[in-house]
Amino acid sequence: MSLSMSQASLPVFTHALNNLSAVLAKGKGHVDAKKLDEANFINYRLFPDMLPFATQVRIACDMVKGAGARLAGIDPPKFEDNEKTFDELIARVEKTLDFISTLAASQIDGSEACEIILSSPRGSMKFTGQNYLFQFVLPNLYFHSATTYNILRHNGVEIGKMDFLGKIQ
């Protein structure tokens, strides 16, 4: 059985972001119930040289919207990086889910060999569509989602592995 690029990306993106949204909602519930300062979570880092919580969520969303767009051959939508609350981070996840829901399988399928070039402060990165998805996007999506989860868990939010994994379908 072969797996198309749309099957390997769109449902995986949707599942991961829905789980991320649910974990964020539990974080918000924890902060509200304990009457904690939300800014302490939004700006929290597991280690001084790591990016803060809000940036972890933003990058997870950016990986998905960027990949969906690039594999479809369109420009990724631009989102402002200004979220300061759990509600705003959840809204960013929802906005990302809304965007990828507009992408048709026919736009993504056949993108295995397309050339994708990303610019970064460390230089240019060149991929085929398949390598971009499997070796860059999915690992980054899971890394930043897991880091978001770990920050919440480290700070006392009652979440577990099944919250991260979500409902297995």
N, C-alpha and C. Protein backbone atom coordinates (compact mmCIF):
# COMPACT_ATOMS: atom_id res chain seq x y z
N MET A 1 0.84 -1.17 0.00
CA MET A 1 0.00 0.00 0.00
C MET A 1 0.88 1.24 0.00
N SER A 2 0.60 2.13 -0.89
CA SER A 2 1.37 3.37 -0.93
C SER A 2 0.62 4.45 -0.15
N LEU A 3 1.38 5.43 0.27
CA LEU A 3 0.85 6.54 1.05
C LEU A 3 1.13 7.82 0.28
N SER A 4 0.09 8.59 0.03
CA SER A 4 0.27 9.84 -0.71
C SER A 4 0.80 10.93 0.21
N MET A 5 1.31 11.98 -0.38
CA MET A 5 1.82 13.11 0.41
C MET A 5 0.71 13.76 1.22
N SER A 6 -0.48 13.84 0.65
CA SER A 6 -1.58 14.44 1.42
C SER A 6 -1.97 13.56 2.60
N GLN A 7 -1.96 12.24 2.41
CA GLN A 7 -2.28 11.32 3.51
C GLN A 7 -1.21 11.36 4.61
N ALA A 8 0.03 11.60 4.20
CA ALA A 8 1.14 11.63 5.16
C ALA A 8 1.26 12.98 5.86
N SER A 9 0.52 13.98 5.40
CA SER A 9 0.67 15.31 5.98
C SER A 9 -0.61 15.84 6.60
N LEU A 10 -1.63 16.07 5.82
CA LEU A 10 -2.81 16.78 6.31
C LEU A 10 -3.48 16.14 7.53
N PRO A 11 -3.76 14.83 7.54
CA PRO A 11 -4.36 14.26 8.75
C PRO A 11 -3.41 14.26 9.94
N VAL A 12 -2.12 14.11 9.69
CA VAL A 12 -1.13 14.13 10.76
C VAL A 12 -1.07 15.54 11.37
N PHE A 13 -1.05 16.55 10.52
CA PHE A 13 -1.04 17.93 10.99
C PHE A 13 -2.28 18.22 11.83
N THR A 14 -3.43 17.82 11.32
CA THR A 14 -4.70 18.08 12.00
C THR A 14 -4.72 17.39 13.37
N HIS A 15 -4.31 16.15 13.40
CA HIS A 15 -4.29 15.39 14.67
C HIS A 15 -3.36 16.05 15.68
N ALA A 16 -2.15 16.39 15.25
CA ALA A 16 -1.16 16.98 16.17
C ALA A 16 -1.64 18.34 16.68
N LEU A 17 -2.22 19.16 15.82
CA LEU A 17 -2.67 20.47 16.26
C LEU A 17 -3.91 20.39 17.14
N ASN A 18 -4.80 19.46 16.86
CA ASN A 18 -5.95 19.28 17.75
C ASN A 18 -5.48 18.86 19.14
N ASN A 19 -4.49 18.00 19.20
CA ASN A 19 -3.93 17.58 20.50
C ASN A 19 -3.25 18.76 21.19
N LEU A 20 -2.52 19.55 20.43
CA LEU A 20 -1.86 20.73 21.00
C LEU A 20 -2.90 21.69 21.57
N SER A 21 -3.98 21.90 20.85
CA SER A 21 -5.04 22.78 21.32
C SER A 21 -5.65 22.26 22.63
N ALA A 22 -5.87 20.96 22.71
CA ALA A 22 -6.43 20.37 23.92
C ALA A 22 -5.48 20.51 25.10
N VAL A 23 -4.19 20.34 24.87
CA VAL A 23 -3.19 20.49 25.93
C VAL A 23 -3.15 21.95 26.39
N LEU A 24 -3.22 22.88 25.45
CA LEU A 24 -3.26 24.30 25.80
C LEU A 24 -4.50 24.63 26.62
N ALA A 25 -5.63 24.05 26.25
CA ALA A 25 -6.86 24.29 27.01
C ALA A 25 -6.72 23.79 28.45
N LYS A 26 -6.07 22.66 28.63
CA LYS A 26 -5.83 22.16 29.99
C LYS A 26 -4.88 23.08 30.75
N GLY A 27 -3.89 23.63 30.04
CA GLY A 27 -3.01 24.60 30.67
C GLY A 27 -3.77 25.83 31.12
N LYS A 28 -4.65 26.33 30.27
CA LYS A 28 -5.47 27.49 30.62
C LYS A 28 -6.35 27.18 31.81
N GLY A 29 -6.96 25.99 31.82
CA GLY A 29 -7.80 25.60 32.95
C GLY A 29 -7.01 25.56 34.25
N HIS A 30 -5.79 25.06 34.19
CA HIS A 30 -4.92 25.00 35.36
C HIS A 30 -4.61 26.40 35.88
N VAL A 31 -4.23 27.28 34.98
CA VAL A 31 -3.88 28.66 35.35
C VAL A 31 -5.11 29.35 35.97
N ASP A 32 -6.26 29.18 35.35
CA ASP A 32 -7.48 29.82 35.85
C ASP A 32 -7.87 29.26 37.22
N ALA A 33 -7.83 27.94 37.36
CA ALA A 33 -8.25 27.30 38.62
C ALA A 33 -7.34 27.68 39.79
N LYS A 34 -6.05 27.80 39.50
CA LYS A 34 -5.08 28.10 40.56
C LYS A 34 -4.83 29.61 40.71
N LYS A 35 -5.48 30.40 39.82
CA LYS A 35 -5.31 31.85 39.84
C LYS A 35 -3.83 32.24 39.71
N LEU A 36 -3.17 31.62 38.73
CA LEU A 36 -1.75 31.87 38.48
C LEU A 36 -1.60 32.98 37.45
N ASP A 37 -0.42 33.57 37.41
CA ASP A 37 -0.11 34.59 36.42
C ASP A 37 0.19 33.91 35.08
N GLU A 38 -0.69 34.14 34.13
CA GLU A 38 -0.57 33.51 32.82
C GLU A 38 0.76 33.84 32.14
N ALA A 39 1.27 35.03 32.35
CA ALA A 39 2.53 35.45 31.73
C ALA A 39 3.69 34.56 32.14
N ASN A 40 3.63 34.01 33.35
CA ASN A 40 4.70 33.11 33.79
C ASN A 40 4.77 31.87 32.90
N PHE A 41 3.63 31.39 32.42
CA PHE A 41 3.62 30.24 31.52
C PHE A 41 4.02 30.65 30.11
N ILE A 42 3.45 31.73 29.62
CA ILE A 42 3.67 32.17 28.25
C ILE A 42 5.16 32.42 27.99
N ASN A 43 5.85 32.90 28.99
CA ASN A 43 7.27 33.24 28.84
C ASN A 43 8.22 32.19 29.40
N TYR A 44 7.69 31.08 29.91
CA TYR A 44 8.51 30.08 30.58
C TYR A 44 9.41 29.34 29.58
N ARG A 45 10.64 29.04 30.04
CA ARG A 45 11.61 28.26 29.26
C ARG A 45 12.06 27.10 30.14
N LEU A 46 12.24 25.94 29.53
CA LEU A 46 12.76 24.81 30.28
C LEU A 46 14.23 25.01 30.65
N PHE A 47 14.93 25.75 29.84
CA PHE A 47 16.35 26.04 30.07
C PHE A 47 16.61 27.42 29.47
N PRO A 48 17.51 28.20 30.05
CA PRO A 48 17.69 29.58 29.59
C PRO A 48 17.93 29.76 28.09
N ASP A 49 18.59 28.80 27.44
CA ASP A 49 18.87 28.99 26.01
C ASP A 49 17.77 28.40 25.11
N MET A 50 16.68 27.93 25.71
CA MET A 50 15.57 27.42 24.91
C MET A 50 14.55 28.53 24.66
N LEU A 51 13.78 28.39 23.61
CA LEU A 51 12.75 29.37 23.30
C LEU A 51 11.60 29.26 24.30
N PRO A 52 10.90 30.37 24.55
CA PRO A 52 9.81 30.34 25.52
C PRO A 52 8.57 29.59 25.01
N PHE A 53 7.71 29.30 25.94
CA PHE A 53 6.48 28.53 25.71
C PHE A 53 5.70 29.02 24.48
N ALA A 54 5.39 30.33 24.45
CA ALA A 54 4.58 30.85 23.33
C ALA A 54 5.27 30.61 21.99
N THR A 55 6.58 30.73 21.95
CA THR A 55 7.31 30.51 20.71
C THR A 55 7.25 29.05 20.29
N GLN A 56 7.24 28.14 21.25
CA GLN A 56 7.12 26.71 20.93
C GLN A 56 5.80 26.45 20.18
N VAL A 57 4.72 27.06 20.68
CA VAL A 57 3.41 26.90 20.03
C VAL A 57 3.42 27.54 18.65
N ARG A 58 3.99 28.73 18.56
CA ARG A 58 4.04 29.42 17.26
C ARG A 58 4.80 28.60 16.23
N ILE A 59 5.92 28.03 16.62
CA ILE A 59 6.72 27.26 15.66
C ILE A 59 5.98 26.00 15.23
N ALA A 60 5.31 25.32 16.16
CA ALA A 60 4.53 24.14 15.78
C ALA A 60 3.49 24.53 14.72
N CYS A 61 2.81 25.65 14.93
CA CYS A 61 1.82 26.12 13.95
C CYS A 61 2.49 26.52 12.64
N ASP A 62 3.61 27.21 12.74
CA ASP A 62 4.31 27.66 11.53
C ASP A 62 4.80 26.49 10.69
N MET A 63 5.24 25.43 11.35
CA MET A 63 5.67 24.23 10.61
C MET A 63 4.52 23.70 9.77
N VAL A 64 3.35 23.63 10.35
CA VAL A 64 2.18 23.07 9.67
C VAL A 64 1.71 23.98 8.54
N LYS A 65 1.52 25.25 8.83
CA LYS A 65 1.02 26.14 7.77
C LYS A 65 2.03 26.31 6.65
N GLY A 66 3.31 26.37 7.01
CA GLY A 66 4.35 26.49 6.00
C GLY A 66 4.44 25.26 5.12
N ALA A 67 4.38 24.10 5.75
CA ALA A 67 4.46 22.85 4.99
C ALA A 67 3.25 22.67 4.08
N GLY A 68 2.07 22.90 4.63
CA GLY A 68 0.87 22.76 3.81
C GLY A 68 0.94 23.65 2.59
N ALA A 69 1.32 24.90 2.80
CA ALA A 69 1.39 25.85 1.69
C ALA A 69 2.48 25.47 0.70
N ARG A 70 3.67 25.20 1.20
CA ARG A 70 4.79 24.91 0.29
C ARG A 70 4.54 23.64 -0.52
N LEU A 71 4.00 22.61 0.13
CA LEU A 71 3.72 21.37 -0.61
C LEU A 71 2.60 21.59 -1.63
N ALA A 72 1.72 22.54 -1.35
CA ALA A 72 0.64 22.86 -2.29
C ALA A 72 1.08 23.86 -3.36
N GLY A 73 2.30 24.39 -3.21
CA GLY A 73 2.81 25.33 -4.21
C GLY A 73 2.26 26.74 -4.06
N ILE A 74 1.84 27.10 -2.84
CA ILE A 74 1.32 28.44 -2.59
C ILE A 74 2.13 29.10 -1.46
N ASP A 75 1.95 30.39 -1.31
CA ASP A 75 2.65 31.10 -0.24
C ASP A 75 1.98 30.83 1.10
N PRO A 76 2.78 30.61 2.14
CA PRO A 76 2.19 30.42 3.47
C PRO A 76 1.55 31.71 3.96
N PRO A 77 0.43 31.59 4.67
CA PRO A 77 -0.16 32.81 5.26
C PRO A 77 0.78 33.36 6.33
N LYS A 78 0.70 34.65 6.54
CA LYS A 78 1.53 35.31 7.56
C LYS A 78 0.68 35.51 8.81
N PHE A 79 1.21 35.11 9.95
CA PHE A 79 0.57 35.35 11.25
C PHE A 79 1.50 36.24 12.05
N GLU A 80 0.91 37.16 12.80
CA GLU A 80 1.72 37.97 13.71
C GLU A 80 2.14 37.09 14.89
N ASP A 81 3.32 37.30 15.39
CA ASP A 81 3.81 36.54 16.54
C ASP A 81 3.63 37.39 17.80
N ASN A 82 2.38 37.59 18.20
CA ASN A 82 2.12 38.50 19.30
C ASN A 82 1.21 37.91 20.39
N GLU A 83 1.07 36.61 20.41
CA GLU A 83 0.18 35.98 21.39
C GLU A 83 0.76 36.11 22.80
N LYS A 84 -0.09 36.51 23.73
CA LYS A 84 0.34 36.72 25.11
C LYS A 84 -0.52 35.97 26.12
N THR A 85 -1.51 35.22 25.62
CA THR A 85 -2.40 34.48 26.52
C THR A 85 -2.65 33.09 25.96
N PHE A 86 -3.16 32.22 26.82
CA PHE A 86 -3.54 30.89 26.35
C PHE A 86 -4.62 30.99 25.28
N ASP A 87 -5.60 31.87 25.49
CA ASP A 87 -6.66 32.02 24.49
C ASP A 87 -6.10 32.43 23.13
N GLU A 88 -5.14 33.33 23.13
CA GLU A 88 -4.54 33.76 21.86
C GLU A 88 -3.73 32.63 21.22
N LEU A 89 -3.04 31.83 22.02
CA LEU A 89 -2.30 30.69 21.46
C LEU A 89 -3.25 29.64 20.90
N ILE A 90 -4.33 29.38 21.62
CA ILE A 90 -5.34 28.43 21.12
C ILE A 90 -5.93 28.96 19.81
N ALA A 91 -6.18 30.26 19.74
CA ALA A 91 -6.71 30.86 18.51
C ALA A 91 -5.73 30.71 17.35
N ARG A 92 -4.44 30.80 17.63
CA ARG A 92 -3.44 30.61 16.58
C ARG A 92 -3.49 29.18 16.05
N VAL A 93 -3.61 28.22 16.96
CA VAL A 93 -3.73 26.83 16.53
C VAL A 93 -4.98 26.66 15.67
N GLU A 94 -6.09 27.24 16.11
CA GLU A 94 -7.34 27.13 15.34
C GLU A 94 -7.21 27.79 13.97
N LYS A 95 -6.54 28.94 13.91
CA LYS A 95 -6.33 29.62 12.64
C LYS A 95 -5.49 28.76 11.70
N THR A 96 -4.52 28.06 12.26
CA THR A 96 -3.68 27.16 11.46
C THR A 96 -4.52 25.99 10.96
N LEU A 97 -5.33 25.41 11.83
CA LEU A 97 -6.22 24.32 11.42
C LEU A 97 -7.18 24.79 10.33
N ASP A 98 -7.71 26.00 10.47
CA ASP A 98 -8.60 26.55 9.44
C ASP A 98 -7.89 26.64 8.10
N PHE A 99 -6.63 27.10 8.12
CA PHE A 99 -5.89 27.21 6.87
C PHE A 99 -5.67 25.85 6.22
N ILE A 100 -5.18 24.88 6.98
CA ILE A 100 -4.89 23.59 6.34
C ILE A 100 -6.16 22.87 5.89
N SER A 101 -7.30 23.23 6.49
CA SER A 101 -8.55 22.62 6.04
C SER A 101 -8.95 23.11 4.65
N THR A 102 -8.35 24.21 4.19
CA THR A 102 -8.65 24.72 2.85
C THR A 102 -7.83 24.02 1.77
N LEU A 103 -6.83 23.26 2.18
CA LEU A 103 -5.95 22.60 1.20
C LEU A 103 -6.56 21.28 0.75
N ALA A 104 -6.59 21.07 -0.53
CA ALA A 104 -7.12 19.84 -1.11
C ALA A 104 -5.99 18.83 -1.29
N ALA A 105 -6.32 17.57 -1.18
CA ALA A 105 -5.34 16.51 -1.41
C ALA A 105 -4.67 16.68 -2.77
N SER A 106 -5.44 17.09 -3.77
CA SER A 106 -4.89 17.25 -5.12
C SER A 106 -3.80 18.32 -5.18
N GLN A 107 -3.82 19.27 -4.25
CA GLN A 107 -2.78 20.30 -4.22
C GLN A 107 -1.47 19.76 -3.64
N ILE A 108 -1.56 18.78 -2.76
CA ILE A 108 -0.39 18.24 -2.05
C ILE A 108 0.19 17.02 -2.77
N ASP A 109 -0.69 16.18 -3.27
CA ASP A 109 -0.23 14.94 -3.91
C ASP A 109 0.64 15.24 -5.13
N GLY A 110 1.70 14.47 -5.25
CA GLY A 110 2.65 14.67 -6.33
C GLY A 110 3.78 15.62 -5.97
N SER A 111 3.81 16.08 -4.72
CA SER A 111 4.83 17.05 -4.31
C SER A 111 6.10 16.39 -3.78
N GLU A 112 6.20 15.07 -3.89
CA GLU A 112 7.35 14.35 -3.34
C GLU A 112 8.69 14.89 -3.83
N ALA A 113 8.77 15.21 -5.10
CA ALA A 113 10.04 15.62 -5.70
C ALA A 113 10.16 17.12 -5.91
N CYS A 114 9.14 17.88 -5.51
CA CYS A 114 9.23 19.33 -5.71
C CYS A 114 10.40 19.89 -4.89
N GLU A 115 10.99 20.95 -5.39
CA GLU A 115 12.13 21.56 -4.68
C GLU A 115 11.61 22.60 -3.70
N ILE A 116 12.06 22.49 -2.46
CA ILE A 116 11.71 23.46 -1.42
C ILE A 116 13.00 24.00 -0.86
N ILE A 117 13.13 25.32 -0.89
CA ILE A 117 14.31 25.98 -0.36
C ILE A 117 13.87 26.94 0.75
N LEU A 118 14.46 26.75 1.90
CA LEU A 118 14.17 27.62 3.05
C LEU A 118 15.41 28.42 3.38
N SER A 119 15.20 29.67 3.72
CA SER A 119 16.30 30.52 4.19
C SER A 119 16.25 30.55 5.70
N SER A 120 17.41 30.48 6.31
CA SER A 120 17.48 30.58 7.77
C SER A 120 18.73 31.36 8.12
N PRO A 121 18.82 31.79 9.38
CA PRO A 121 20.04 32.49 9.80
C PRO A 121 21.30 31.63 9.62
N ARG A 122 21.12 30.31 9.60
CA ARG A 122 22.27 29.41 9.43
C ARG A 122 22.56 29.10 7.96
N GLY A 123 21.79 29.69 7.07
CA GLY A 123 22.00 29.46 5.65
C GLY A 123 20.78 28.86 4.99
N SER A 124 20.92 28.57 3.73
CA SER A 124 19.84 28.03 2.93
C SER A 124 19.74 26.52 3.11
N MET A 125 18.51 26.02 3.17
CA MET A 125 18.27 24.58 3.26
C MET A 125 17.44 24.16 2.04
N LYS A 126 17.90 23.14 1.36
CA LYS A 126 17.24 22.69 0.14
C LYS A 126 16.73 21.27 0.36
N PHE A 127 15.46 21.04 0.01
CA PHE A 127 14.81 19.75 0.21
C PHE A 127 14.03 19.33 -1.03
N THR A 128 13.77 18.04 -1.12
CA THR A 128 12.67 17.57 -1.96
C THR A 128 11.42 17.67 -1.07
N GLY A 129 10.25 17.65 -1.66
CA GLY A 129 9.03 17.72 -0.87
C GLY A 129 8.93 16.61 0.16
N GLN A 130 9.30 15.42 -0.24
CA GLN A 130 9.22 14.27 0.67
C GLN A 130 10.21 14.42 1.83
N ASN A 131 11.44 14.80 1.55
CA ASN A 131 12.42 14.99 2.62
C ASN A 131 12.03 16.15 3.52
N TYR A 132 11.49 17.20 2.94
CA TYR A 132 11.01 18.34 3.72
C TYR A 132 9.97 17.89 4.73
N LEU A 133 8.99 17.12 4.28
CA LEU A 133 7.93 16.65 5.17
C LEU A 133 8.46 15.72 6.25
N PHE A 134 9.19 14.69 5.84
CA PHE A 134 9.58 13.62 6.78
C PHE A 134 10.82 13.93 7.61
N GLN A 135 11.73 14.73 7.10
CA GLN A 135 12.98 14.97 7.82
C GLN A 135 13.06 16.35 8.47
N PHE A 136 12.13 17.25 8.13
CA PHE A 136 12.18 18.59 8.70
C PHE A 136 10.87 18.96 9.39
N VAL A 137 9.77 18.91 8.67
CA VAL A 137 8.50 19.41 9.21
C VAL A 137 7.99 18.54 10.35
N LEU A 138 7.81 17.25 10.10
CA LEU A 138 7.24 16.39 11.14
C LEU A 138 8.11 16.33 12.40
N PRO A 139 9.43 16.18 12.28
CA PRO A 139 10.24 16.22 13.51
C PRO A 139 10.12 17.55 14.26
N ASN A 140 10.08 18.66 13.54
CA ASN A 140 9.92 19.96 14.19
C ASN A 140 8.56 20.12 14.83
N LEU A 141 7.52 19.67 14.15
CA LEU A 141 6.17 19.73 14.71
C LEU A 141 6.11 18.98 16.04
N TYR A 142 6.64 17.77 16.05
CA TYR A 142 6.60 16.97 17.28
C TYR A 142 7.55 17.51 18.35
N PHE A 143 8.69 18.01 17.96
CA PHE A 143 9.62 18.59 18.94
C PHE A 143 8.98 19.77 19.67
N HIS A 144 8.40 20.70 18.91
CA HIS A 144 7.85 21.90 19.54
C HIS A 144 6.54 21.61 20.26
N SER A 145 5.77 20.66 19.78
CA SER A 145 4.57 20.24 20.51
C SER A 145 4.94 19.56 21.81
N ALA A 146 5.95 18.70 21.77
CA ALA A 146 6.40 18.01 22.98
C ALA A 146 7.00 19.00 23.97
N THR A 147 7.72 19.99 23.49
CA THR A 147 8.29 20.99 24.39
C THR A 147 7.18 21.80 25.05
N THR A 148 6.15 22.14 24.31
CA THR A 148 4.98 22.82 24.88
C THR A 148 4.38 21.96 25.99
N TYR A 149 4.15 20.69 25.69
CA TYR A 149 3.62 19.74 26.67
C TYR A 149 4.53 19.68 27.90
N ASN A 150 5.83 19.57 27.68
CA ASN A 150 6.78 19.44 28.79
C ASN A 150 6.80 20.67 29.68
N ILE A 151 6.68 21.84 29.11
CA ILE A 151 6.63 23.06 29.91
C ILE A 151 5.39 23.04 30.80
N LEU A 152 4.26 22.68 30.22
CA LEU A 152 3.03 22.62 31.01
C LEU A 152 3.15 21.58 32.12
N ARG A 153 3.63 20.41 31.77
CA ARG A 153 3.75 19.32 32.75
C ARG A 153 4.73 19.69 33.86
N HIS A 154 5.83 20.30 33.49
CA HIS A 154 6.84 20.73 34.46
C HIS A 154 6.25 21.74 35.46
N ASN A 155 5.28 22.52 34.99
CA ASN A 155 4.68 23.55 35.83
C ASN A 155 3.38 23.11 36.49
N GLY A 156 3.17 21.80 36.56
CA GLY A 156 2.08 21.27 37.37
C GLY A 156 0.77 21.01 36.68
N VAL A 157 0.69 21.24 35.39
CA VAL A 157 -0.57 20.96 34.69
C VAL A 157 -0.75 19.45 34.63
N GLU A 158 -1.94 19.00 35.00
CA GLU A 158 -2.22 17.56 35.05
C GLU A 158 -2.56 17.05 33.65
N ILE A 159 -1.51 16.70 32.94
CA ILE A 159 -1.64 16.11 31.61
C ILE A 159 -0.74 14.88 31.57
N GLY A 160 -1.06 13.99 30.67
CA GLY A 160 -0.28 12.78 30.52
C GLY A 160 -0.03 12.46 29.06
N LYS A 161 0.62 11.36 28.85
CA LYS A 161 1.01 10.95 27.50
C LYS A 161 -0.19 10.89 26.54
N MET A 162 -1.32 10.42 27.02
CA MET A 162 -2.49 10.31 26.15
C MET A 162 -3.03 11.68 25.76
N ASP A 163 -2.77 12.73 26.55
CA ASP A 163 -3.14 14.07 26.14
C ASP A 163 -2.30 14.50 24.95
N PHE A 164 -1.03 14.14 24.98
CA PHE A 164 -0.14 14.48 23.87
C PHE A 164 -0.52 13.68 22.62
N LEU A 165 -0.74 12.39 22.81
CA LEU A 165 -1.07 11.52 21.67
C LEU A 165 -2.47 11.75 21.13
N GLY A 166 -3.41 12.09 22.02
CA GLY A 166 -4.78 12.26 21.60
C GLY A 166 -5.46 10.94 21.30
N LYS A 167 -6.69 11.05 20.85
CA LYS A 167 -7.46 9.86 20.50
C LYS A 167 -6.86 9.17 19.29
N ILE A 168 -6.52 7.91 19.47
CA ILE A 168 -5.95 7.14 18.36
C ILE A 168 -7.11 6.70 17.46
N GLN A 169 -6.95 6.97 16.19
CA GLN A 169 -8.07 6.71 15.26
C GLN A 169 -7.81 5.53 14.38
